[in-house]
Every structure is written in C-alpha cells, then in structure tokens.
Amino acid sequence: MHIFSEADDRPHVPTDDPLWQESSLFVWHDRDAGIGGFWRLGQEPVVGAVNSCFGVFTHDGLRFRSNVTGAPLGAGDRGEAHMGWGPHLRILFDGDAHITADFPDCEADLRFADFHPRFDYHAIAMPGQQLTGAAHHFEVSGRMTGKVRIGDCEVAIDALGYRDRSWARRDWSTSRGTRWWPCVFGPDLTTHIIHLVQDGRVLKVGYVWRDGQTIAIVDSDVVVELESDALTPRAGRGVLHLANGETLNIACDRSDAIMMHVRGYSAVETIGTARMGDRVGMSNLEVSSNAAGGSALPLCTLGSNAADGLSRRPD
C-alpha cells in the first residue's frame, strides 16, 4: 500500500489546468473544553485564487466564521513548506501541521499530530477506484493541541481531530450531494464514510482504522436528520458493512455547525459527538444536498453558522 511521505504535505507544482487546486482541511472538537473548529484552505495557483472557510465555536454559543471564495492568491500565500491566506491564516508543514489564525475577533495557534501513516485514501477505501477531483489524496486522524481566542475567551485545546490533503483537478459544479463523515475515537479507532452523488450515481466508500489495521467499508447506509432549512444536519446515523464481514452501527449529534461555500458548492460541517458501541469520540458530518445542481448561496440557515465574523448562536 502506498504511503505518502512528509514531503507530500508540502505544496506541489501545479499542472496548467485552471481547475487544478490544492487543499488542506482540518476539523477538531475538544468535548471537555467545550470548543471545536474547522478550516478548509484551497488554493488555485493557475488562476491565482484562494478559497478558505475557517470557523470556531464554543458549546455555550460563541461563534466565529470567515469564508472567502475566489479571493486573490497573494505572493506569500504559497511557499516551500507553507500554505495560507494573506495575514489571516497559515499552515506550516514542519513534520506536524502548525496552524495559525489572526483575526481581530479570533486567534489560534494550533498543532496537528497524526495518529497513523498518510495512507493513500483510494487504496484503503476504494481499491481500483478514484474520487473525482482527488487523484492525489490522503486523510489522517490525529490530535489537535494549542490555544484559541474567540472574542474575549481564550481556551487551551487538546482535541481529537481529522485532516484531509489533496492536489488535483477539481470541478465543484459536478457534485449533486455529499455525505463526508469522519469520526475519531482515539489513536486506535477511526471511521470514515463518503457518499457522493455524481455523474448520475451514488458512490459509497470508506474505511475503518482499528488497532493498527485498515479495513475497507464495502457498503454503508447513512441517514441524516435535516433542519427545515433543508441544509443543516441535526444528527446522523449509519450502518457500516466491513470487508471482514463485520457490521458496525454509528451515530452523531451536533454541537454546532459551520456553513462552507466554495465555487458554488455549499456544505455544512456538522461537528459533534460520535458514538459507536461503548466508544465516544468526535464527529464531523459534512452534508451537501444539491439534487438540482444549483450554485447560489443559501438564503438562511437553522443551526449552522453562515455569518462572517464574531456572533452568538441563537437560542
């Protein structure tokens, strides 16, 4: 099985395709400290553009969000070992991933340490197949540590988390529905499911990382409870059928959610608690429901944060 090297965490030389992009995604949830967050950074160096969605929330209702799509890619936003967006956000790949955020109402200094090697996602989750727009792709569970300031509240972080790296051609207009659902229970156990509606079919793939081994998910059933905005999940549950014959049942709730909009693609990152048997962990249920292929921004949300800047979750 191919394992990506530390060098593959660093920025890559693009092709000449204007749809070529490189992205790095992080999601984390510290249940004990009552805080969670998400950041997806996508850079399109051929057309000189940045897409970024960054969000933090506390369990008692504080929220911060920054979302840009098609913003100019600055000269200092890509380097030999870093990616970023202007003075606000940066990832330094120095063996781990060191993340800094600098906004007037939110600052972060975080470090993500991997729980396991950078497996080729296609090899472990979908042998012989490939996700459209993710020819080079790995996903890793791990631990996020550091500190975050949101408003006047400063919090030390020791969280379970998950990250995603990809670099390839990506056309955001082709997706008609997504269920992207990583759950991290500790260094010994991670589950990940993707249901992707594209090209007139539903692709269902995923894997389980357990006790040092990867097991493919050969079939799965995922049900999402949506709010009346037809956008924001309240909860999710799944039945996972593994290649070794096992069946696992998993469920998640919502602590809070962050709406991401990139190149006409809208999705809600629903961060909360995952439960599987007697195990409890973190969950991020990303949901996009777009059967008709629209590209406009949602007009309203219930339960997810679509407002930029500092805000408070409605009661």
C-alpha atoms as a PDB file:
ATOM      1  CA  MET A   1       0.000   0.000   0.000  1.00  0.00           C
ATOM      2  CA  HIS A   2       1.311   3.435  -0.955  1.00  0.00           C
ATOM      3  CA  ILE A   3       2.049   5.765   1.972  1.00  0.00           C
ATOM      4  CA  PHE A   4       2.570   9.450   1.249  1.00  0.00           C
ATOM      5  CA  SER A   5       5.756  10.990   2.602  1.00  0.00           C
ATOM      6  CA  GLU A   6       6.225  14.063   4.744  1.00  0.00           C
ATOM      7  CA  ALA A   7       7.251  15.900   1.570  1.00  0.00           C
ATOM      8  CA  ASP A   8       3.756  15.301   0.142  1.00  0.00           C
ATOM      9  CA  ASP A   9       2.316  17.501   2.890  1.00  0.00           C
ATOM     10  CA  ARG A  10       4.073  20.463   1.319  1.00  0.00           C
ATOM     11  CA  PRO A  11       2.777  22.439  -1.682  1.00  0.00           C
ATOM     12  CA  HIS A  12       3.057  20.760  -5.083  1.00  0.00           C
ATOM     13  CA  VAL A  13       3.869  22.039  -8.567  1.00  0.00           C
ATOM     14  CA  PRO A  14       0.551  22.581 -10.373  1.00  0.00           C
ATOM     15  CA  THR A  15      -0.334  21.481 -13.868  1.00  0.00           C
ATOM     16  CA  ASP A  16      -1.511  24.116 -16.374  1.00  0.00           C
ATOM     17  CA  ASP A  17      -5.183  23.191 -15.847  1.00  0.00           C
ATOM     18  CA  PRO A  18      -7.132  26.210 -14.496  1.00  0.00           C
ATOM     19  CA  LEU A  19      -9.214  23.813 -12.351  1.00  0.00           C
ATOM     20  CA  TRP A  20      -6.128  22.376 -10.625  1.00  0.00           C
ATOM     21  CA  GLN A  21      -6.316  23.040  -6.900  1.00  0.00           C
ATOM     22  CA  GLU A  22      -4.508  22.072  -3.727  1.00  0.00           C
ATOM     23  CA  SER A  23      -6.315  21.865  -0.418  1.00  0.00           C
ATOM     24  CA  SER A  24      -5.733  21.178   3.239  1.00  0.00           C
ATOM     25  CA  LEU A  25      -8.614  20.591   5.655  1.00  0.00           C
ATOM     26  CA  PHE A  26      -8.695  20.308   9.451  1.00  0.00           C
ATOM     27  CA  VAL A  27     -11.577  19.633  11.822  1.00  0.00           C
ATOM     28  CA  TRP A  28     -11.371  19.169  15.593  1.00  0.00           C
ATOM     29  CA  HIS A  29     -13.552  19.001  18.692  1.00  0.00           C
ATOM     30  CA  ASP A  30     -12.467  19.274  22.329  1.00  0.00           C
ATOM     31  CA  ARG A  31     -15.525  17.994  24.191  1.00  0.00           C
ATOM     32  CA  ASP A  32     -14.005  18.607  27.636  1.00  0.00           C
ATOM     33  CA  ALA A  33     -13.118  22.239  26.904  1.00  0.00           C
ATOM     34  CA  GLY A  34     -16.399  22.803  25.045  1.00  0.00           C
ATOM     35  CA  ILE A  35     -14.912  24.108  21.796  1.00  0.00           C
ATOM     36  CA  GLY A  36     -14.475  22.964  18.210  1.00  0.00           C
ATOM     37  CA  GLY A  37     -13.351  24.211  14.837  1.00  0.00           C
ATOM     38  CA  PHE A  38     -12.936  23.688  11.111  1.00  0.00           C
ATOM     39  CA  TRP A  39     -10.676  25.048   8.383  1.00  0.00           C
ATOM     40  CA  ARG A  40     -10.524  24.181   4.718  1.00  0.00           C
ATOM     41  CA  LEU A  41      -7.978  26.059   2.608  1.00  0.00           C
ATOM     42  CA  GLY A  42      -7.999  25.550  -1.152  1.00  0.00           C
ATOM     43  CA  GLN A  43      -5.533  27.265  -3.481  1.00  0.00           C
ATOM     44  CA  GLU A  44      -5.891  27.566  -7.266  1.00  0.00           C
ATOM     45  CA  PRO A  45      -2.423  28.721  -8.336  1.00  0.00           C
ATOM     46  CA  VAL A  46      -3.071  28.612 -12.101  1.00  0.00           C
ATOM     47  CA  VAL A  47      -5.852  31.219 -11.826  1.00  0.00           C
ATOM     48  CA  GLY A  48      -4.346  32.893  -8.737  1.00  0.00           C
ATOM     49  CA  ALA A  49      -7.244  32.335  -6.339  1.00  0.00           C
ATOM     50  CA  VAL A  50      -7.898  31.188  -2.754  1.00  0.00           C
ATOM     51  CA  ASN A  51     -10.926  29.517  -1.196  1.00  0.00           C
ATOM     52  CA  SER A  52     -10.996  29.428   2.596  1.00  0.00           C
ATOM     53  CA  CYS A  53     -13.598  28.554   5.226  1.00  0.00           C
ATOM     54  CA  PHE A  54     -12.483  28.899   8.848  1.00  0.00           C
ATOM     55  CA  GLY A  55     -14.760  28.570  11.852  1.00  0.00           C
ATOM     56  CA  VAL A  56     -14.626  28.168  15.637  1.00  0.00           C
ATOM     57  CA  PHE A  57     -17.440  27.729  18.153  1.00  0.00           C
ATOM     58  CA  THR A  58     -17.909  27.176  21.875  1.00  0.00           C
ATOM     59  CA  HIS A  59     -20.546  24.976  23.448  1.00  0.00           C
ATOM     60  CA  ASP A  60     -22.033  27.996  25.227  1.00  0.00           C
ATOM     61  CA  GLY A  61     -22.797  29.726  21.926  1.00  0.00           C
ATOM     62  CA  LEU A  62     -19.867  31.898  20.805  1.00  0.00           C
ATOM     63  CA  ARG A  63     -19.109  31.619  17.089  1.00  0.00           C
ATOM     64  CA  PHE A  64     -16.534  32.924  14.627  1.00  0.00           C
ATOM     65  CA  ARG A  65     -16.522  32.334  10.868  1.00  0.00           C
ATOM     66  CA  SER A  66     -14.527  33.572   7.866  1.00  0.00           C
ATOM     67  CA  ASN A  67     -15.448  32.335   4.366  1.00  0.00           C
ATOM     68  CA  VAL A  68     -13.995  33.562   1.076  1.00  0.00           C
ATOM     69  CA  THR A  69     -14.136  32.033  -2.382  1.00  0.00           C
ATOM     70  CA  GLY A  70     -12.189  33.220  -5.418  1.00  0.00           C
ATOM     71  CA  ALA A  71     -10.131  35.691  -3.352  1.00  0.00           C
ATOM     72  CA  PRO A  72      -6.755  36.739  -4.828  1.00  0.00           C
ATOM     73  CA  LEU A  73      -3.844  34.408  -4.101  1.00  0.00           C
ATOM     74  CA  GLY A  74      -1.056  36.542  -2.642  1.00  0.00           C
ATOM     75  CA  ALA A  75       2.639  36.182  -3.405  1.00  0.00           C
ATOM     76  CA  GLY A  76       3.308  34.972   0.130  1.00  0.00           C
ATOM     77  CA  ASP A  77       0.392  32.526   0.314  1.00  0.00           C
ATOM     78  CA  ARG A  78       2.392  29.569  -1.044  1.00  0.00           C
ATOM     79  CA  GLY A  79       5.935  28.582  -0.170  1.00  0.00           C
ATOM     80  CA  GLU A  80       8.166  25.550   0.038  1.00  0.00           C
ATOM     81  CA  ALA A  81       6.609  24.423   3.332  1.00  0.00           C
ATOM     82  CA  HIS A  82       3.509  26.564   3.877  1.00  0.00           C
ATOM     83  CA  MET A  83       0.080  27.488   2.522  1.00  0.00           C
ATOM     84  CA  GLY A  84      -2.134  30.341   3.677  1.00  0.00           C
ATOM     85  CA  TRP A  85      -4.491  33.200   3.026  1.00  0.00           C
ATOM     86  CA  GLY A  86      -2.952  36.648   3.447  1.00  0.00           C
ATOM     87  CA  PRO A  87      -2.121  37.724   7.016  1.00  0.00           C
ATOM     88  CA  HIS A  88      -5.068  35.822   8.463  1.00  0.00           C
ATOM     89  CA  LEU A  89      -4.399  32.078   8.102  1.00  0.00           C
ATOM     90  CA  ARG A  90      -1.344  29.879   7.584  1.00  0.00           C
ATOM     91  CA  ILE A  91      -0.324  26.216   7.762  1.00  0.00           C
ATOM     92  CA  LEU A  92       3.359  25.396   8.195  1.00  0.00           C
ATOM     93  CA  PHE A  93       4.248  21.789   7.387  1.00  0.00           C
ATOM     94  CA  ASP A  94       7.193  21.054   9.668  1.00  0.00           C
ATOM     95  CA  GLY A  95       6.678  17.360  10.360  1.00  0.00           C
ATOM     96  CA  ASP A  96       3.358  18.121  12.010  1.00  0.00           C
ATOM     97  CA  ALA A  97       0.949  20.759  10.724  1.00  0.00           C
ATOM     98  CA  HIS A  98       1.238  24.093  12.535  1.00  0.00           C
ATOM     99  CA  ILE A  99      -1.827  26.311  12.061  1.00  0.00           C
ATOM    100  CA  THR A 100      -2.077  29.998  12.928  1.00  0.00           C
ATOM    101  CA  ALA A 101      -5.094  32.293  12.629  1.00  0.00           C
ATOM    102  CA  ASP A 102      -5.039  36.060  13.145  1.00  0.00           C
ATOM    103  CA  PHE A 103      -8.348  37.946  13.047  1.00  0.00           C
ATOM    104  CA  PRO A 104      -9.419  40.810  15.326  1.00  0.00           C
ATOM    105  CA  ASP A 105     -12.056  38.600  16.965  1.00  0.00           C
ATOM    106  CA  CYS A 106     -10.334  35.222  16.731  1.00  0.00           C
ATOM    107  CA  GLU A 107      -6.761  33.957  17.032  1.00  0.00           C
ATOM    108  CA  ALA A 108      -5.376  30.443  17.015  1.00  0.00           C
ATOM    109  CA  ASP A 109      -2.030  28.718  17.455  1.00  0.00           C
ATOM    110  CA  LEU A 110      -2.594  25.010  16.879  1.00  0.00           C
ATOM    111  CA  ARG A 111      -0.608  21.905  16.019  1.00  0.00           C
ATOM    112  CA  PHE A 112      -1.989  18.705  14.491  1.00  0.00           C
ATOM    113  CA  ALA A 113      -0.134  15.421  15.155  1.00  0.00           C
ATOM    114  CA  ASP A 114      -1.091  12.347  13.112  1.00  0.00           C
ATOM    115  CA  PHE A 115      -2.251   9.098  14.707  1.00  0.00           C
ATOM    116  CA  HIS A 116      -1.210   6.908  11.756  1.00  0.00           C
ATOM    117  CA  PRO A 117       0.673   6.989   8.424  1.00  0.00           C
ATOM    118  CA  ARG A 118      -0.564   9.020   5.443  1.00  0.00           C
ATOM    119  CA  PHE A 119      -2.254   6.146   3.594  1.00  0.00           C
ATOM    120  CA  ASP A 120      -3.360   6.588   0.003  1.00  0.00           C
ATOM    121  CA  TYR A 121      -7.094   7.064   0.562  1.00  0.00           C
ATOM    122  CA  HIS A 122      -8.067   5.287  -2.651  1.00  0.00           C
ATOM    123  CA  ALA A 123      -6.012   2.215  -1.755  1.00  0.00           C
ATOM    124  CA  ILE A 124      -7.629   1.753   1.667  1.00  0.00           C
ATOM    125  CA  ALA A 125     -11.201   2.876   0.981  1.00  0.00           C
ATOM    126  CA  MET A 126     -11.878   2.126  -2.677  1.00  0.00           C
ATOM    127  CA  PRO A 127      -9.310  -0.204  -4.268  1.00  0.00           C
ATOM    128  CA  GLY A 128      -9.264   0.124  -8.047  1.00  0.00           C
ATOM    129  CA  GLN A 129     -11.365   3.331  -7.989  1.00  0.00           C
ATOM    130  CA  GLN A 130     -10.632   7.032  -7.651  1.00  0.00           C
ATOM    131  CA  LEU A 131     -12.576  10.005  -6.317  1.00  0.00           C
ATOM    132  CA  THR A 132     -13.214  12.619  -8.989  1.00  0.00           C
ATOM    133  CA  GLY A 133     -11.179  15.720  -8.159  1.00  0.00           C
ATOM    134  CA  ALA A 134      -8.916  13.910  -5.703  1.00  0.00           C
ATOM    135  CA  ALA A 135      -6.352  11.976  -7.743  1.00  0.00           C
ATOM    136  CA  HIS A 136      -3.752  12.635  -5.041  1.00  0.00           C
ATOM    137  CA  HIS A 137      -5.429  12.301  -1.691  1.00  0.00           C
ATOM    138  CA  PHE A 138      -4.819  11.242   1.895  1.00  0.00           C
ATOM    139  CA  GLU A 139      -6.775  11.579   5.132  1.00  0.00           C
ATOM    140  CA  VAL A 140      -5.438  11.178   8.669  1.00  0.00           C
ATOM    141  CA  SER A 141      -6.909  11.218  12.170  1.00  0.00           C
ATOM    142  CA  GLY A 142      -4.932  12.811  14.971  1.00  0.00           C
ATOM    143  CA  ARG A 143      -4.757  15.186  17.894  1.00  0.00           C
ATOM    144  CA  MET A 144      -5.039  18.974  17.754  1.00  0.00           C
ATOM    145  CA  THR A 145      -3.379  20.918  20.570  1.00  0.00           C
ATOM    146  CA  GLY A 146      -2.686  24.586  21.255  1.00  0.00           C
ATOM    147  CA  LYS A 147      -4.800  27.602  22.104  1.00  0.00           C
ATOM    148  CA  VAL A 148      -7.659  29.599  20.617  1.00  0.00           C
ATOM    149  CA  ARG A 149      -9.049  33.040  21.419  1.00  0.00           C
ATOM    150  CA  ILE A 150     -12.617  33.735  20.323  1.00  0.00           C
ATOM    151  CA  GLY A 151     -13.879  37.145  21.356  1.00  0.00           C
ATOM    152  CA  ASP A 152     -12.568  37.647  24.900  1.00  0.00           C
ATOM    153  CA  CYS A 153     -12.483  33.917  25.631  1.00  0.00           C
ATOM    154  CA  GLU A 154      -9.107  32.118  25.473  1.00  0.00           C
ATOM    155  CA  VAL A 155      -9.117  28.317  25.603  1.00  0.00           C
ATOM    156  CA  ALA A 156      -6.360  25.686  25.748  1.00  0.00           C
ATOM    157  CA  ILE A 157      -7.062  22.914  23.226  1.00  0.00           C
ATOM    158  CA  ASP A 158      -6.435  19.162  23.484  1.00  0.00           C
ATOM    159  CA  ALA A 159      -8.796  17.728  20.882  1.00  0.00           C
ATOM    160  CA  LEU A 160      -9.417  14.743  18.684  1.00  0.00           C
ATOM    161  CA  GLY A 161      -9.285  15.749  15.033  1.00  0.00           C
ATOM    162  CA  TYR A 162      -9.135  14.775  11.391  1.00  0.00           C
ATOM    163  CA  ARG A 163      -7.399  16.201   8.329  1.00  0.00           C
ATOM    164  CA  ASP A 164      -7.513  15.863   4.543  1.00  0.00           C
ATOM    165  CA  ARG A 165      -4.919  16.724   1.858  1.00  0.00           C
ATOM    166  CA  SER A 166      -5.474  16.637  -1.891  1.00  0.00           C
ATOM    167  CA  TRP A 167      -3.985  18.117  -5.043  1.00  0.00           C
ATOM    168  CA  ALA A 168      -5.587  17.552  -8.432  1.00  0.00           C
ATOM    169  CA  ARG A 169      -8.110  18.951 -10.906  1.00  0.00           C
ATOM    170  CA  ARG A 170     -11.435  19.694  -9.197  1.00  0.00           C
ATOM    171  CA  ASP A 171     -14.704  20.830 -10.769  1.00  0.00           C
ATOM    172  CA  TRP A 172     -17.066  21.877  -7.971  1.00  0.00           C
ATOM    173  CA  SER A 173     -20.068  22.063 -10.316  1.00  0.00           C
ATOM    174  CA  THR A 174     -20.429  18.291 -10.741  1.00  0.00           C
ATOM    175  CA  SER A 175     -21.452  17.344  -7.178  1.00  0.00           C
ATOM    176  CA  ARG A 176     -25.164  16.781  -6.500  1.00  0.00           C
ATOM    177  CA  GLY A 177     -24.811  15.554  -2.930  1.00  0.00           C
ATOM    178  CA  THR A 178     -22.191  14.748  -0.308  1.00  0.00           C
ATOM    179  CA  ARG A 179     -22.049  12.893   2.984  1.00  0.00           C
ATOM    180  CA  TRP A 180     -18.411  13.114   4.181  1.00  0.00           C
ATOM    181  CA  TRP A 181     -18.233  11.732   7.692  1.00  0.00           C
ATOM    182  CA  PRO A 182     -15.053  11.123   9.721  1.00  0.00           C
ATOM    183  CA  CYS A 183     -15.354  10.002  13.343  1.00  0.00           C
ATOM    184  CA  VAL A 184     -12.293   9.783  15.608  1.00  0.00           C
ATOM    185  CA  PHE A 185     -12.447   7.840  18.889  1.00  0.00           C
ATOM    186  CA  GLY A 186      -8.740   7.804  19.765  1.00  0.00           C
ATOM    187  CA  PRO A 187      -5.360   6.697  18.379  1.00  0.00           C
ATOM    188  CA  ASP A 188      -6.710   3.155  17.973  1.00  0.00           C
ATOM    189  CA  LEU A 189     -10.035   3.774  16.215  1.00  0.00           C
ATOM    190  CA  THR A 190     -11.268   5.967  13.348  1.00  0.00           C
ATOM    191  CA  THR A 191     -14.145   5.532  10.906  1.00  0.00           C
ATOM    192  CA  HIS A 192     -14.690   7.403   7.662  1.00  0.00           C
ATOM    193  CA  ILE A 193     -17.583   7.258   5.193  1.00  0.00           C
ATOM    194  CA  ILE A 194     -18.169   9.076   1.901  1.00  0.00           C
ATOM    195  CA  HIS A 195     -21.446   9.059  -0.008  1.00  0.00           C
ATOM    196  CA  LEU A 196     -21.019  11.122  -3.172  1.00  0.00           C
ATOM    197  CA  VAL A 197     -23.770  11.814  -5.735  1.00  0.00           C
ATOM    198  CA  GLN A 198     -22.049  12.498  -9.039  1.00  0.00           C
ATOM    199  CA  ASP A 199     -22.416  11.576 -12.729  1.00  0.00           C
ATOM    200  CA  GLY A 200     -25.843  10.021 -12.156  1.00  0.00           C
ATOM    201  CA  ARG A 201     -24.783   7.562  -9.466  1.00  0.00           C
ATOM    202  CA  VAL A 202     -24.154   7.327  -5.725  1.00  0.00           C
ATOM    203  CA  LEU A 203     -20.636   6.316  -4.731  1.00  0.00           C
ATOM    204  CA  LYS A 204     -20.358   4.762  -1.247  1.00  0.00           C
ATOM    205  CA  VAL A 205     -16.869   4.121   0.123  1.00  0.00           C
ATOM    206  CA  GLY A 206     -14.933   4.369   3.373  1.00  0.00           C
ATOM    207  CA  TYR A 207     -12.655   2.651   5.837  1.00  0.00           C
ATOM    208  CA  VAL A 208     -12.115   1.799   9.495  1.00  0.00           C
ATOM    209  CA  TRP A 209      -8.729   2.259  11.194  1.00  0.00           C
ATOM    210  CA  ARG A 210      -8.649  -0.066  14.194  1.00  0.00           C
ATOM    211  CA  ASP A 211      -5.755  -1.306  16.311  1.00  0.00           C
ATOM    212  CA  GLY A 212      -3.167  -0.551  13.631  1.00  0.00           C
ATOM    213  CA  GLN A 213      -5.066  -2.030  10.671  1.00  0.00           C
ATOM    214  CA  THR A 214      -7.246  -0.575   7.920  1.00  0.00           C
ATOM    215  CA  ILE A 215     -10.479  -2.315   6.929  1.00  0.00           C
ATOM    216  CA  ALA A 216     -12.480  -1.216   3.882  1.00  0.00           C
ATOM    217  CA  ILE A 217     -16.181  -0.410   4.215  1.00  0.00           C
ATOM    218  CA  VAL A 218     -17.773  -2.309   1.332  1.00  0.00           C
ATOM    219  CA  ASP A 219     -21.291  -0.917   1.832  1.00  0.00           C
ATOM    220  CA  SER A 220     -22.967   1.567   4.137  1.00  0.00           C
ATOM    221  CA  ASP A 221     -26.282   3.205   4.901  1.00  0.00           C
ATOM    222  CA  VAL A 222     -26.296   6.798   6.163  1.00  0.00           C
ATOM    223  CA  VAL A 223     -29.374   8.703   7.324  1.00  0.00           C
ATOM    224  CA  VAL A 224     -29.210  12.428   8.125  1.00  0.00           C
ATOM    225  CA  GLU A 225     -31.783  14.400  10.123  1.00  0.00           C
ATOM    226  CA  LEU A 226     -32.077  17.833   8.455  1.00  0.00           C
ATOM    227  CA  GLU A 227     -33.425  21.081   9.855  1.00  0.00           C
ATOM    228  CA  SER A 228     -36.234  22.870   7.979  1.00  0.00           C
ATOM    229  CA  ASP A 229     -33.609  24.906   6.092  1.00  0.00           C
ATOM    230  CA  ALA A 230     -33.011  21.712   4.025  1.00  0.00           C
ATOM    231  CA  LEU A 231     -29.322  22.283   4.658  1.00  0.00           C
ATOM    232  CA  THR A 232     -28.203  21.811   8.272  1.00  0.00           C
ATOM    233  CA  PRO A 233     -27.959  18.363   9.917  1.00  0.00           C
ATOM    234  CA  ARG A 234     -29.244  17.910  13.442  1.00  0.00           C
ATOM    235  CA  ALA A 235     -27.945  14.327  13.762  1.00  0.00           C
ATOM    236  CA  GLY A 236     -26.804  11.359  11.695  1.00  0.00           C
ATOM    237  CA  ARG A 237     -26.599   7.605  11.929  1.00  0.00           C
ATOM    238  CA  GLY A 238     -25.005   4.907   9.827  1.00  0.00           C
ATOM    239  CA  VAL A 239     -24.665   1.180   9.359  1.00  0.00           C
ATOM    240  CA  LEU A 240     -21.208   0.136   8.121  1.00  0.00           C
ATOM    241  CA  HIS A 241     -20.583  -3.219   6.425  1.00  0.00           C
ATOM    242  CA  LEU A 242     -16.884  -4.082   6.539  1.00  0.00           C
ATOM    243  CA  ALA A 243     -14.799  -6.198   4.184  1.00  0.00           C
ATOM    244  CA  ASN A 244     -14.143  -8.687   7.017  1.00  0.00           C
ATOM    245  CA  GLY A 245     -17.885  -9.379   7.425  1.00  0.00           C
ATOM    246  CA  GLU A 246     -18.483  -7.173  10.484  1.00  0.00           C
ATOM    247  CA  THR A 247     -21.339  -4.701  10.763  1.00  0.00           C
ATOM    248  CA  LEU A 248     -20.932  -1.544  12.848  1.00  0.00           C
ATOM    249  CA  ASN A 249     -23.559   0.982  13.943  1.00  0.00           C
ATOM    250  CA  ILE A 250     -22.525   4.606  14.436  1.00  0.00           C
ATOM    251  CA  ALA A 251     -24.341   7.828  15.320  1.00  0.00           C
ATOM    252  CA  CYS A 252     -23.535  11.507  15.869  1.00  0.00           C
ATOM    253  CA  ASP A 253     -25.146  14.633  17.245  1.00  0.00           C
ATOM    254  CA  ARG A 254     -24.462  18.330  16.614  1.00  0.00           C
ATOM    255  CA  SER A 255     -22.613  20.641  18.972  1.00  0.00           C
ATOM    256  CA  ASP A 256     -22.563  23.331  16.286  1.00  0.00           C
ATOM    257  CA  ALA A 257     -22.133  23.641  12.528  1.00  0.00           C
ATOM    258  CA  ILE A 258     -20.298  25.859  10.050  1.00  0.00           C
ATOM    259  CA  MET A 259     -21.559  26.593   6.541  1.00  0.00           C
ATOM    260  CA  MET A 260     -18.859  26.411   3.845  1.00  0.00           C
ATOM    261  CA  HIS A 261     -19.366  27.944   0.406  1.00  0.00           C
ATOM    262  CA  VAL A 262     -16.710  27.393  -2.263  1.00  0.00           C
ATOM    263  CA  ARG A 263     -17.103  27.963  -6.018  1.00  0.00           C
ATOM    264  CA  GLY A 264     -20.878  27.487  -5.860  1.00  0.00           C
ATOM    265  CA  TYR A 265     -20.678  24.402  -3.623  1.00  0.00           C
ATOM    266  CA  SER A 266     -22.421  24.809  -0.259  1.00  0.00           C
ATOM    267  CA  ALA A 267     -21.964  22.306   2.563  1.00  0.00           C
ATOM    268  CA  VAL A 268     -22.482  22.286   6.308  1.00  0.00           C
ATOM    269  CA  GLU A 269     -19.708  20.997   8.571  1.00  0.00           C
ATOM    270  CA  THR A 270     -21.612  19.499  11.494  1.00  0.00           C
ATOM    271  CA  ILE A 271     -19.245  18.999  14.421  1.00  0.00           C
ATOM    272  CA  GLY A 272     -20.313  16.997  17.441  1.00  0.00           C
ATOM    273  CA  THR A 273     -20.027  13.745  19.365  1.00  0.00           C
ATOM    274  CA  ALA A 274     -19.756  10.320  17.728  1.00  0.00           C
ATOM    275  CA  ARG A 275     -20.912   7.131  19.450  1.00  0.00           C
ATOM    276  CA  MET A 276     -20.219   3.544  18.405  1.00  0.00           C
ATOM    277  CA  GLY A 277     -20.959   0.866  20.962  1.00  0.00           C
ATOM    278  CA  ASP A 278     -19.235   1.944  24.173  1.00  0.00           C
ATOM    279  CA  ARG A 279     -16.833   4.300  22.363  1.00  0.00           C
ATOM    280  CA  VAL A 280     -17.302   8.085  22.332  1.00  0.00           C
ATOM    281  CA  GLY A 281     -15.380  10.452  20.059  1.00  0.00           C
ATOM    282  CA  MET A 282     -15.556  13.443  17.733  1.00  0.00           C
ATOM    283  CA  SER A 283     -17.580  13.630  14.532  1.00  0.00           C
ATOM    284  CA  ASN A 284     -17.753  15.928  11.523  1.00  0.00           C
ATOM    285  CA  LEU A 285     -20.724  15.177   9.297  1.00  0.00           C
ATOM    286  CA  GLU A 286     -20.321  17.288   6.156  1.00  0.00           C
ATOM    287  CA  VAL A 287     -23.580  17.423   4.230  1.00  0.00           C
ATOM    288  CA  SER A 288     -24.354  18.979   0.860  1.00  0.00           C
ATOM    289  CA  SER A 289     -27.808  18.399  -0.642  1.00  0.00           C
ATOM    290  CA  ASN A 290     -27.975  19.762  -4.181  1.00  0.00           C
ATOM    291  CA  ALA A 291     -30.091  17.440  -6.322  1.00  0.00           C
ATOM    292  CA  ALA A 292     -30.930  20.169  -8.856  1.00  0.00           C
ATOM    293  CA  GLY A 293     -27.344  21.394  -9.282  1.00  0.00           C
ATOM    294  CA  GLY A 294     -27.746  24.952  -8.002  1.00  0.00           C
ATOM    295  CA  SER A 295     -24.848  27.255  -7.137  1.00  0.00           C
ATOM    296  CA  ALA A 296     -26.401  30.199  -5.242  1.00  0.00           C
ATOM    297  CA  LEU A 297     -25.649  30.966  -1.603  1.00  0.00           C
ATOM    298  CA  PRO A 298     -28.258  29.652   0.854  1.00  0.00           C
ATOM    299  CA  LEU A 299     -30.674  32.375   1.945  1.00  0.00           C
ATOM    300  CA  CYS A 300     -30.980  31.218   5.549  1.00  0.00           C
ATOM    301  CA  THR A 301     -29.722  28.542   7.910  1.00  0.00           C
ATOM    302  CA  LEU A 302     -31.081  26.924  11.060  1.00  0.00           C
ATOM    303  CA  GLY A 303     -28.465  25.559  13.422  1.00  0.00           C
ATOM    304  CA  SER A 304     -25.398  26.344  11.304  1.00  0.00           C
ATOM    305  CA  ASN A 305     -23.257  29.477  11.181  1.00  0.00           C
ATOM    306  CA  ALA A 306     -23.343  31.275   7.828  1.00  0.00           C
ATOM    307  CA  ALA A 307     -22.413  34.734   9.160  1.00  0.00           C
ATOM    308  CA  ASP A 308     -18.877  36.082   8.893  1.00  0.00           C
ATOM    309  CA  GLY A 309     -17.187  37.489  11.988  1.00  0.00           C
ATOM    310  CA  LEU A 310     -17.989  37.068  15.675  1.00  0.00           C
ATOM    311  CA  SER A 311     -21.551  36.102  16.577  1.00  0.00           C
ATOM    312  CA  ARG A 312     -23.622  34.162  19.078  1.00  0.00           C
ATOM    313  CA  ARG A 313     -25.706  31.088  18.329  1.00  0.00           C
ATOM    314  CA  PRO A 314     -29.424  31.864  18.578  1.00  0.00           C
ATOM    315  CA  ASP A 315     -31.255  30.201  21.467  1.00  0.00           C
END
